[in-house]
Amino acid sequence: MLSASHENLHVVLNPADCNLDNIDEDDFVYCWSGARATVGITGGKYCFGCQILVARPVYMEDIPVDQQREFRVGISSVDDPVGNLGDTLRSFGYGVTGKFSNDGKFSDYGERFGVSDVIICCMDLETKPLASIAFYKNGKWLGVAKYFDVGNLSGSALFPHVLLKNMVVLLQFSREDGLIPVQGFKPSSCAIEDGIAVLGPTLSHEHDCELTMLVGLPASGKTTWAEKWVNEHPEKRYVLFGTNLALDQMKVSAFSICYNSFFD
């Protein structure tokens, strides 16, 4: 249930055993790396699990130690940026710092967690009038993190999603992956058999891919034009390379690095 079509380019993916890592060379250690499952759900009650296997040793003297290795787990719609879990209305995340995030807002939730801990994310899209997302830590119920109106999803499916920085994690979508489902929730992989799964986009063959390059003077509008073009063609799933993309992935305690101070 993992694919290169649903991840940032600096994610290191091993689909065979559902392991996720990120490139930790040079300035990549500052970057969050996101990955989303290829199968989403539109109803029912399902869960998936994850375990932090390793916290990578990194050298980041300008960043506090507790912010050098981070991890967030949750769900999002397929149209949300894969590198921004918890930053949009249809994106929900629970992080190692004991914070829950949705629509860019952070609140205290549950407990801190780290290496060896197993987190299970539970999606209830069945209960009326409001759906909910909740988590377990090492078998302990942490309570409902968020109730939300399914109507705000505009018919979009919700996909398991993780965001990591200098961590190695194991994802569990089925019993075969090592998932121990919690009472009342099926493994997320069962949504396919139940007929309520939605498959996400897949990569085109290499010869079908499209590359557009803009060349021009500074401040001539290249980025503005490119962002407008990308927004007008979501079906092409462009990746817009540039300084803005790199800086957007360099977040500390949920705040983006200030562009001005970055270039001082």
C-alpha atoms as a PDB file:
ATOM      1  CA  MET A   1       0.000   0.000   0.000  1.00  0.00           C
ATOM      2  CA  LEU A   2       2.999   2.272  -0.457  1.00  0.00           C
ATOM      3  CA  SER A   3       4.125   3.750  -3.747  1.00  0.00           C
ATOM      4  CA  ALA A   4       6.580   6.337  -5.032  1.00  0.00           C
ATOM      5  CA  SER A   5       3.588   8.188  -6.510  1.00  0.00           C
ATOM      6  CA  HIS A   6       2.503   9.215  -3.000  1.00  0.00           C
ATOM      7  CA  GLU A   7       5.707  10.485  -1.421  1.00  0.00           C
ATOM      8  CA  ASN A   8       8.197  13.323  -1.375  1.00  0.00           C
ATOM      9  CA  LEU A   9      11.176  12.772  -3.629  1.00  0.00           C
ATOM     10  CA  HIS A  10      13.601  12.489  -0.692  1.00  0.00           C
ATOM     11  CA  VAL A  11      11.724   9.585   0.923  1.00  0.00           C
ATOM     12  CA  VAL A  12      13.477   6.208   0.926  1.00  0.00           C
ATOM     13  CA  LEU A  13      10.782   3.568   0.488  1.00  0.00           C
ATOM     14  CA  ASN A  14      10.973  -0.197   0.869  1.00  0.00           C
ATOM     15  CA  PRO A  15       7.520  -1.426  -0.255  1.00  0.00           C
ATOM     16  CA  ALA A  16       8.364  -5.063   0.500  1.00  0.00           C
ATOM     17  CA  ASP A  17       8.318  -4.570   4.269  1.00  0.00           C
ATOM     18  CA  CYS A  18       6.580  -1.156   4.513  1.00  0.00           C
ATOM     19  CA  ASN A  19       9.682   0.581   5.869  1.00  0.00           C
ATOM     20  CA  LEU A  20      10.092   4.323   5.388  1.00  0.00           C
ATOM     21  CA  ASP A  21      13.237   6.382   5.752  1.00  0.00           C
ATOM     22  CA  ASN A  22      14.447   9.724   4.457  1.00  0.00           C
ATOM     23  CA  ILE A  23      17.670  10.906   2.860  1.00  0.00           C
ATOM     24  CA  ASP A  24      19.803  12.266   5.698  1.00  0.00           C
ATOM     25  CA  GLU A  25      22.775  13.606   3.771  1.00  0.00           C
ATOM     26  CA  ASP A  26      23.826  17.265   3.878  1.00  0.00           C
ATOM     27  CA  ASP A  27      20.901  19.694   4.235  1.00  0.00           C
ATOM     28  CA  PHE A  28      18.293  16.961   3.742  1.00  0.00           C
ATOM     29  CA  VAL A  29      18.484  16.432   7.525  1.00  0.00           C
ATOM     30  CA  TYR A  30      16.435  19.632   7.887  1.00  0.00           C
ATOM     31  CA  CYS A  31      13.612  18.415   5.656  1.00  0.00           C
ATOM     32  CA  TRP A  32      10.359  16.738   6.584  1.00  0.00           C
ATOM     33  CA  SER A  33       9.516  13.789   4.303  1.00  0.00           C
ATOM     34  CA  GLY A  34       5.933  12.720   3.658  1.00  0.00           C
ATOM     35  CA  ALA A  35       4.375   9.522   2.344  1.00  0.00           C
ATOM     36  CA  ARG A  36       0.748   8.532   1.835  1.00  0.00           C
ATOM     37  CA  ALA A  37      -0.823   5.096   1.325  1.00  0.00           C
ATOM     38  CA  THR A  38      -2.181   4.217  -2.108  1.00  0.00           C
ATOM     39  CA  VAL A  39      -5.557   3.084  -0.737  1.00  0.00           C
ATOM     40  CA  GLY A  40      -8.028   5.454   0.936  1.00  0.00           C
ATOM     41  CA  ILE A  41     -11.408   4.886   2.563  1.00  0.00           C
ATOM     42  CA  THR A  42     -14.769   6.596   2.189  1.00  0.00           C
ATOM     43  CA  GLY A  43     -16.664   5.008   5.079  1.00  0.00           C
ATOM     44  CA  GLY A  44     -16.612   2.409   7.833  1.00  0.00           C
ATOM     45  CA  LYS A  45     -14.219   2.029  10.763  1.00  0.00           C
ATOM     46  CA  TYR A  46     -10.614   1.160   9.937  1.00  0.00           C
ATOM     47  CA  CYS A  47      -7.183   1.390  11.510  1.00  0.00           C
ATOM     48  CA  PHE A  48      -3.514   1.179  10.619  1.00  0.00           C
ATOM     49  CA  GLY A  49      -0.375   1.127  12.721  1.00  0.00           C
ATOM     50  CA  CYS A  50       3.179   2.411  12.735  1.00  0.00           C
ATOM     51  CA  GLN A  51       6.295   1.909  14.812  1.00  0.00           C
ATOM     52  CA  ILE A  52       9.380   4.094  15.022  1.00  0.00           C
ATOM     53  CA  LEU A  53      12.337   1.780  14.477  1.00  0.00           C
ATOM     54  CA  VAL A  54      15.300   4.157  14.514  1.00  0.00           C
ATOM     55  CA  ALA A  55      16.077   7.784  15.322  1.00  0.00           C
ATOM     56  CA  ARG A  56      18.887   8.723  12.942  1.00  0.00           C
ATOM     57  CA  PRO A  57      22.074  10.268  14.398  1.00  0.00           C
ATOM     58  CA  VAL A  58      22.403  13.669  12.728  1.00  0.00           C
ATOM     59  CA  TYR A  59      24.560  16.764  13.105  1.00  0.00           C
ATOM     60  CA  MET A  60      22.387  19.901  13.368  1.00  0.00           C
ATOM     61  CA  GLU A  61      24.070  22.286  15.783  1.00  0.00           C
ATOM     62  CA  ASP A  62      21.655  25.114  14.944  1.00  0.00           C
ATOM     63  CA  ILE A  63      18.529  23.094  15.845  1.00  0.00           C
ATOM     64  CA  PRO A  64      17.490  21.997  19.387  1.00  0.00           C
ATOM     65  CA  VAL A  65      18.012  18.275  19.972  1.00  0.00           C
ATOM     66  CA  ASP A  66      14.312  17.576  20.526  1.00  0.00           C
ATOM     67  CA  GLN A  67      13.504  19.039  17.088  1.00  0.00           C
ATOM     68  CA  GLN A  68      16.125  17.175  15.078  1.00  0.00           C
ATOM     69  CA  ARG A  69      14.082  13.972  14.774  1.00  0.00           C
ATOM     70  CA  GLU A  70      10.333  14.170  14.377  1.00  0.00           C
ATOM     71  CA  PHE A  71       7.419  12.081  13.244  1.00  0.00           C
ATOM     72  CA  ARG A  72       3.709  12.598  12.633  1.00  0.00           C
ATOM     73  CA  VAL A  73       1.024  10.048  11.715  1.00  0.00           C
ATOM     74  CA  GLY A  74      -2.558  10.541  10.561  1.00  0.00           C
ATOM     75  CA  ILE A  75      -4.811  10.796   7.525  1.00  0.00           C
ATOM     76  CA  SER A  76      -5.371  13.178   4.631  1.00  0.00           C
ATOM     77  CA  SER A  77      -7.133  13.512   1.304  1.00  0.00           C
ATOM     78  CA  VAL A  78      -5.232  12.666  -1.854  1.00  0.00           C
ATOM     79  CA  ASP A  79      -5.182  16.311  -2.994  1.00  0.00           C
ATOM     80  CA  ASP A  80      -3.413  17.578   0.132  1.00  0.00           C
ATOM     81  CA  PRO A  81       0.357  18.165  -0.080  1.00  0.00           C
ATOM     82  CA  VAL A  82       2.118  14.973   0.950  1.00  0.00           C
ATOM     83  CA  GLY A  83       4.740  16.982   2.841  1.00  0.00           C
ATOM     84  CA  ASN A  84       2.252  18.883   4.996  1.00  0.00           C
ATOM     85  CA  LEU A  85       0.297  16.491   7.222  1.00  0.00           C
ATOM     86  CA  GLY A  86      -2.017  18.382   9.584  1.00  0.00           C
ATOM     87  CA  ASP A  87      -1.717  21.714   7.787  1.00  0.00           C
ATOM     88  CA  THR A  88      -5.012  21.671   5.858  1.00  0.00           C
ATOM     89  CA  LEU A  89      -8.720  21.182   6.599  1.00  0.00           C
ATOM     90  CA  ARG A  90      -8.710  17.602   5.281  1.00  0.00           C
ATOM     91  CA  SER A  91      -5.438  16.593   6.913  1.00  0.00           C
ATOM     92  CA  PHE A  92      -5.059  15.292  10.501  1.00  0.00           C
ATOM     93  CA  GLY A  93      -1.838  14.365  12.322  1.00  0.00           C
ATOM     94  CA  TYR A  94      -0.520  13.241  15.731  1.00  0.00           C
ATOM     95  CA  GLY A  95       3.151  13.916  16.450  1.00  0.00           C
ATOM     96  CA  VAL A  96       5.918  12.659  18.733  1.00  0.00           C
ATOM     97  CA  THR A  97       5.663  15.879  20.762  1.00  0.00           C
ATOM     98  CA  GLY A  98       2.163  14.987  21.955  1.00  0.00           C
ATOM     99  CA  LYS A  99       0.481  17.503  19.665  1.00  0.00           C
ATOM    100  CA  PHE A 100      -2.471  16.955  17.330  1.00  0.00           C
ATOM    101  CA  SER A 101      -2.730  19.101  14.223  1.00  0.00           C
ATOM    102  CA  ASN A 102      -5.479  19.929  11.737  1.00  0.00           C
ATOM    103  CA  ASP A 103      -5.866  22.893   9.402  1.00  0.00           C
ATOM    104  CA  GLY A 104      -2.569  24.304  10.664  1.00  0.00           C
ATOM    105  CA  LYS A 105      -3.793  24.434  14.280  1.00  0.00           C
ATOM    106  CA  PHE A 106      -1.964  22.494  17.009  1.00  0.00           C
ATOM    107  CA  SER A 107      -3.370  21.278  20.333  1.00  0.00           C
ATOM    108  CA  ASP A 108      -2.174  19.108  23.228  1.00  0.00           C
ATOM    109  CA  TYR A 109      -3.208  15.493  22.783  1.00  0.00           C
ATOM    110  CA  GLY A 110      -2.252  12.100  24.163  1.00  0.00           C
ATOM    111  CA  GLU A 111       1.374  11.583  25.113  1.00  0.00           C
ATOM    112  CA  ARG A 112       4.813  11.967  23.643  1.00  0.00           C
ATOM    113  CA  PHE A 113       6.123   8.888  21.866  1.00  0.00           C
ATOM    114  CA  GLY A 114       9.384   7.705  20.367  1.00  0.00           C
ATOM    115  CA  VAL A 115      11.562   4.792  19.284  1.00  0.00           C
ATOM    116  CA  SER A 116       9.909   1.352  19.690  1.00  0.00           C
ATOM    117  CA  ASP A 117       6.474   2.814  20.443  1.00  0.00           C
ATOM    118  CA  VAL A 118       3.571   1.487  18.380  1.00  0.00           C
ATOM    119  CA  ILE A 119       0.860   3.969  17.390  1.00  0.00           C
ATOM    120  CA  ILE A 120      -2.455   2.853  15.913  1.00  0.00           C
ATOM    121  CA  CYS A 121      -4.560   5.406  14.061  1.00  0.00           C
ATOM    122  CA  CYS A 122      -8.323   4.734  14.075  1.00  0.00           C
ATOM    123  CA  MET A 123     -10.622   6.289  11.472  1.00  0.00           C
ATOM    124  CA  ASP A 124     -14.366   6.237  12.195  1.00  0.00           C
ATOM    125  CA  LEU A 125     -16.260   7.449   9.134  1.00  0.00           C
ATOM    126  CA  GLU A 126     -19.356   5.467  10.085  1.00  0.00           C
ATOM    127  CA  THR A 127     -20.680   7.079  13.273  1.00  0.00           C
ATOM    128  CA  LYS A 128     -23.177   9.916  12.803  1.00  0.00           C
ATOM    129  CA  PRO A 129     -23.455  12.863  12.895  1.00  0.00           C
ATOM    130  CA  LEU A 130     -19.677  13.373  13.093  1.00  0.00           C
ATOM    131  CA  ALA A 131     -16.750  11.238  11.998  1.00  0.00           C
ATOM    132  CA  SER A 132     -13.656  11.001  14.191  1.00  0.00           C
ATOM    133  CA  ILE A 133      -9.978  10.147  14.359  1.00  0.00           C
ATOM    134  CA  ALA A 134      -8.370   8.591  17.443  1.00  0.00           C
ATOM    135  CA  PHE A 135      -5.115   6.900  18.437  1.00  0.00           C
ATOM    136  CA  TYR A 136      -3.696   4.120  20.586  1.00  0.00           C
ATOM    137  CA  LYS A 137      -0.161   4.117  21.987  1.00  0.00           C
ATOM    138  CA  ASN A 138       1.242   0.688  22.853  1.00  0.00           C
ATOM    139  CA  GLY A 139      -2.295  -0.605  23.340  1.00  0.00           C
ATOM    140  CA  LYS A 140      -3.405   2.379  25.465  1.00  0.00           C
ATOM    141  CA  TRP A 141      -6.451   4.331  24.292  1.00  0.00           C
ATOM    142  CA  LEU A 142      -5.606   8.028  23.984  1.00  0.00           C
ATOM    143  CA  GLY A 143      -9.136   9.182  23.223  1.00  0.00           C
ATOM    144  CA  VAL A 144     -10.687  10.905  20.247  1.00  0.00           C
ATOM    145  CA  ALA A 145      -8.347  13.515  18.825  1.00  0.00           C
ATOM    146  CA  LYS A 146     -10.870  15.214  16.552  1.00  0.00           C
ATOM    147  CA  TYR A 147     -14.519  15.028  15.535  1.00  0.00           C
ATOM    148  CA  PHE A 148     -15.191  16.353  12.058  1.00  0.00           C
ATOM    149  CA  ASP A 149     -17.960  16.724   9.501  1.00  0.00           C
ATOM    150  CA  VAL A 150     -17.582  14.277   6.620  1.00  0.00           C
ATOM    151  CA  GLY A 151     -19.348  16.861   4.457  1.00  0.00           C
ATOM    152  CA  ASN A 152     -16.214  19.021   4.617  1.00  0.00           C
ATOM    153  CA  LEU A 153     -14.333  16.310   2.745  1.00  0.00           C
ATOM    154  CA  SER A 154     -16.287  17.073  -0.446  1.00  0.00           C
ATOM    155  CA  GLY A 155     -16.545  13.372  -1.175  1.00  0.00           C
ATOM    156  CA  SER A 156     -12.799  12.789  -0.875  1.00  0.00           C
ATOM    157  CA  ALA A 157     -11.438   9.553   0.564  1.00  0.00           C
ATOM    158  CA  LEU A 158      -9.025   9.658   3.497  1.00  0.00           C
ATOM    159  CA  PHE A 159      -5.634   7.983   3.152  1.00  0.00           C
ATOM    160  CA  PRO A 160      -3.152   6.872   5.839  1.00  0.00           C
ATOM    161  CA  HIS A 161      -0.327   9.414   5.888  1.00  0.00           C
ATOM    162  CA  VAL A 162       2.976   9.847   7.731  1.00  0.00           C
ATOM    163  CA  LEU A 163       5.490  12.676   7.949  1.00  0.00           C
ATOM    164  CA  LEU A 164       9.006  12.089   9.247  1.00  0.00           C
ATOM    165  CA  LYS A 165      12.339  13.768   9.768  1.00  0.00           C
ATOM    166  CA  ASN A 166      15.443  11.660  10.436  1.00  0.00           C
ATOM    167  CA  MET A 167      13.404   8.664  11.555  1.00  0.00           C
ATOM    168  CA  VAL A 168      12.935   5.133  10.231  1.00  0.00           C
ATOM    169  CA  VAL A 169       9.377   3.837  10.611  1.00  0.00           C
ATOM    170  CA  LEU A 170       7.456   0.652   9.931  1.00  0.00           C
ATOM    171  CA  LEU A 171       3.876   0.919   8.651  1.00  0.00           C
ATOM    172  CA  GLN A 172       1.240  -1.743   9.281  1.00  0.00           C
ATOM    173  CA  PHE A 173      -1.877  -1.889   7.110  1.00  0.00           C
ATOM    174  CA  SER A 174      -2.795  -5.565   7.620  1.00  0.00           C
ATOM    175  CA  ARG A 175      -2.303  -8.449  10.016  1.00  0.00           C
ATOM    176  CA  GLU A 176       0.369  -9.723   7.648  1.00  0.00           C
ATOM    177  CA  ASP A 177       2.255  -6.459   8.233  1.00  0.00           C
ATOM    178  CA  GLY A 178       2.120  -7.066  12.002  1.00  0.00           C
ATOM    179  CA  LEU A 179      -0.937  -4.920  12.722  1.00  0.00           C
ATOM    180  CA  ILE A 180      -3.002  -5.953  15.745  1.00  0.00           C
ATOM    181  CA  PRO A 181      -6.402  -4.320  15.066  1.00  0.00           C
ATOM    182  CA  VAL A 182      -8.169  -2.667  17.977  1.00  0.00           C
ATOM    183  CA  GLN A 183     -11.717  -3.622  18.899  1.00  0.00           C
ATOM    184  CA  GLY A 184     -14.328  -2.251  16.519  1.00  0.00           C
ATOM    185  CA  PHE A 185     -11.874  -1.336  13.757  1.00  0.00           C
ATOM    186  CA  LYS A 186     -10.756  -3.385  10.760  1.00  0.00           C
ATOM    187  CA  PRO A 187      -7.271  -3.211   9.210  1.00  0.00           C
ATOM    188  CA  SER A 188      -7.255  -0.512   6.540  1.00  0.00           C
ATOM    189  CA  SER A 189      -6.297  -3.105   3.912  1.00  0.00           C
ATOM    190  CA  CYS A 190      -9.741  -4.719   4.388  1.00  0.00           C
ATOM    191  CA  ALA A 191     -11.399  -1.673   2.816  1.00  0.00           C
ATOM    192  CA  ILE A 192     -10.530  -3.123  -0.590  1.00  0.00           C
ATOM    193  CA  GLU A 193     -12.441  -6.351   0.095  1.00  0.00           C
ATOM    194  CA  ASP A 194     -15.305  -4.356   1.631  1.00  0.00           C
ATOM    195  CA  GLY A 195     -15.708  -2.364  -1.576  1.00  0.00           C
ATOM    196  CA  ILE A 196     -15.280   1.106  -0.063  1.00  0.00           C
ATOM    197  CA  ALA A 197     -11.641   1.680  -0.938  1.00  0.00           C
ATOM    198  CA  VAL A 198     -10.435   4.365  -3.328  1.00  0.00           C
ATOM    199  CA  LEU A 199      -7.162   3.895  -5.161  1.00  0.00           C
ATOM    200  CA  GLY A 200      -4.891   6.903  -5.404  1.00  0.00           C
ATOM    201  CA  PRO A 201      -3.074   8.038  -8.548  1.00  0.00           C
ATOM    202  CA  THR A 202      -0.217   6.006  -9.969  1.00  0.00           C
ATOM    203  CA  LEU A 203       2.937   7.077 -11.766  1.00  0.00           C
ATOM    204  CA  SER A 204       2.912   7.281 -15.537  1.00  0.00           C
ATOM    205  CA  HIS A 205       5.514   5.449 -17.554  1.00  0.00           C
ATOM    206  CA  GLU A 206       8.738   7.405 -17.799  1.00  0.00           C
ATOM    207  CA  HIS A 207       8.170   8.276 -21.457  1.00  0.00           C
ATOM    208  CA  ASP A 208       4.763   9.802 -20.545  1.00  0.00           C
ATOM    209  CA  CYS A 209       6.120  12.150 -17.882  1.00  0.00           C
ATOM    210  CA  GLU A 210       6.184  15.884 -18.540  1.00  0.00           C
ATOM    211  CA  LEU A 211       8.892  18.408 -17.689  1.00  0.00           C
ATOM    212  CA  THR A 212       8.497  22.177 -17.988  1.00  0.00           C
ATOM    213  CA  MET A 213      11.411  24.547 -17.374  1.00  0.00           C
ATOM    214  CA  LEU A 214      11.122  28.308 -16.898  1.00  0.00           C
ATOM    215  CA  VAL A 215      14.034  30.649 -17.577  1.00  0.00           C
ATOM    216  CA  GLY A 216      13.907  34.377 -16.897  1.00  0.00           C
ATOM    217  CA  LEU A 217      15.204  37.352 -14.972  1.00  0.00           C
ATOM    218  CA  PRO A 218      14.835  37.530 -11.165  1.00  0.00           C
ATOM    219  CA  ALA A 219      11.431  38.822 -10.008  1.00  0.00           C
ATOM    220  CA  SER A 220      10.001  38.440 -13.517  1.00  0.00           C
ATOM    221  CA  GLY A 221       7.091  36.251 -12.359  1.00  0.00           C
ATOM    222  CA  LYS A 222       8.415  32.732 -13.012  1.00  0.00           C
ATOM    223  CA  THR A 223       7.253  31.309  -9.683  1.00  0.00           C
ATOM    224  CA  THR A 224       3.878  33.048  -9.878  1.00  0.00           C
ATOM    225  CA  TRP A 225       3.243  31.650 -13.351  1.00  0.00           C
ATOM    226  CA  ALA A 226       4.417  28.165 -12.360  1.00  0.00           C
ATOM    227  CA  GLU A 227       2.231  28.032  -9.232  1.00  0.00           C
ATOM    228  CA  LYS A 228      -0.796  29.164 -11.239  1.00  0.00           C
ATOM    229  CA  TRP A 229      -0.104  26.514 -13.893  1.00  0.00           C
ATOM    230  CA  VAL A 230       0.243  23.770 -11.280  1.00  0.00           C
ATOM    231  CA  ASN A 231      -3.010  24.794  -9.557  1.00  0.00           C
ATOM    232  CA  GLU A 232      -4.866  24.816 -12.876  1.00  0.00           C
ATOM    233  CA  HIS A 233      -3.705  21.268 -13.731  1.00  0.00           C
ATOM    234  CA  PRO A 234      -4.016  19.179 -10.533  1.00  0.00           C
ATOM    235  CA  GLU A 235      -4.540  16.006 -12.577  1.00  0.00           C
ATOM    236  CA  LYS A 236      -0.917  16.194 -13.766  1.00  0.00           C
ATOM    237  CA  ARG A 237       0.404  16.142 -10.169  1.00  0.00           C
ATOM    238  CA  TYR A 238       3.335  18.427 -10.921  1.00  0.00           C
ATOM    239  CA  VAL A 239       6.226  18.745  -8.471  1.00  0.00           C
ATOM    240  CA  LEU A 240       7.327  22.380  -8.505  1.00  0.00           C
ATOM    241  CA  PHE A 241      11.066  22.543  -7.846  1.00  0.00           C
ATOM    242  CA  GLY A 242      12.485  25.715  -6.359  1.00  0.00           C
ATOM    243  CA  THR A 243      13.614  27.447  -3.198  1.00  0.00           C
ATOM    244  CA  ASN A 244      10.055  27.703  -1.888  1.00  0.00           C
ATOM    245  CA  LEU A 245       9.618  23.926  -1.995  1.00  0.00           C
ATOM    246  CA  ALA A 246      12.831  23.345  -0.042  1.00  0.00           C
ATOM    247  CA  LEU A 247      12.010  25.935   2.609  1.00  0.00           C
ATOM    248  CA  ASP A 248       8.463  24.633   2.996  1.00  0.00           C
ATOM    249  CA  GLN A 249       9.881  21.240   3.997  1.00  0.00           C
ATOM    250  CA  MET A 250      12.208  22.813   6.606  1.00  0.00           C
ATOM    251  CA  LYS A 251       9.884  23.327   9.530  1.00  0.00           C
ATOM    252  CA  VAL A 252      10.735  23.631  13.193  1.00  0.00           C
ATOM    253  CA  SER A 253       8.010  23.120  15.791  1.00  0.00           C
ATOM    254  CA  ALA A 254       5.327  23.555  13.113  1.00  0.00           C
ATOM    255  CA  PHE A 255       6.626  26.951  11.992  1.00  0.00           C
ATOM    256  CA  SER A 256       8.205  27.513   8.585  1.00  0.00           C
ATOM    257  CA  ILE A 257      11.684  28.995   8.501  1.00  0.00           C
ATOM    258  CA  CYS A 258      11.605  32.734   7.830  1.00  0.00           C
ATOM    259  CA  TYR A 259      12.870  33.377   4.304  1.00  0.00           C
ATOM    260  CA  ASN A 260      14.531  36.670   5.222  1.00  0.00           C
ATOM    261  CA  SER A 261      16.549  35.310   8.137  1.00  0.00           C
ATOM    262  CA  PHE A 262      17.440  32.209   6.123  1.00  0.00           C
ATOM    263  CA  PHE A 263      19.347  34.286   3.591  1.00  0.00           C
ATOM    264  CA  ASP A 264      20.987  36.696   6.076  1.00  0.00           C
END
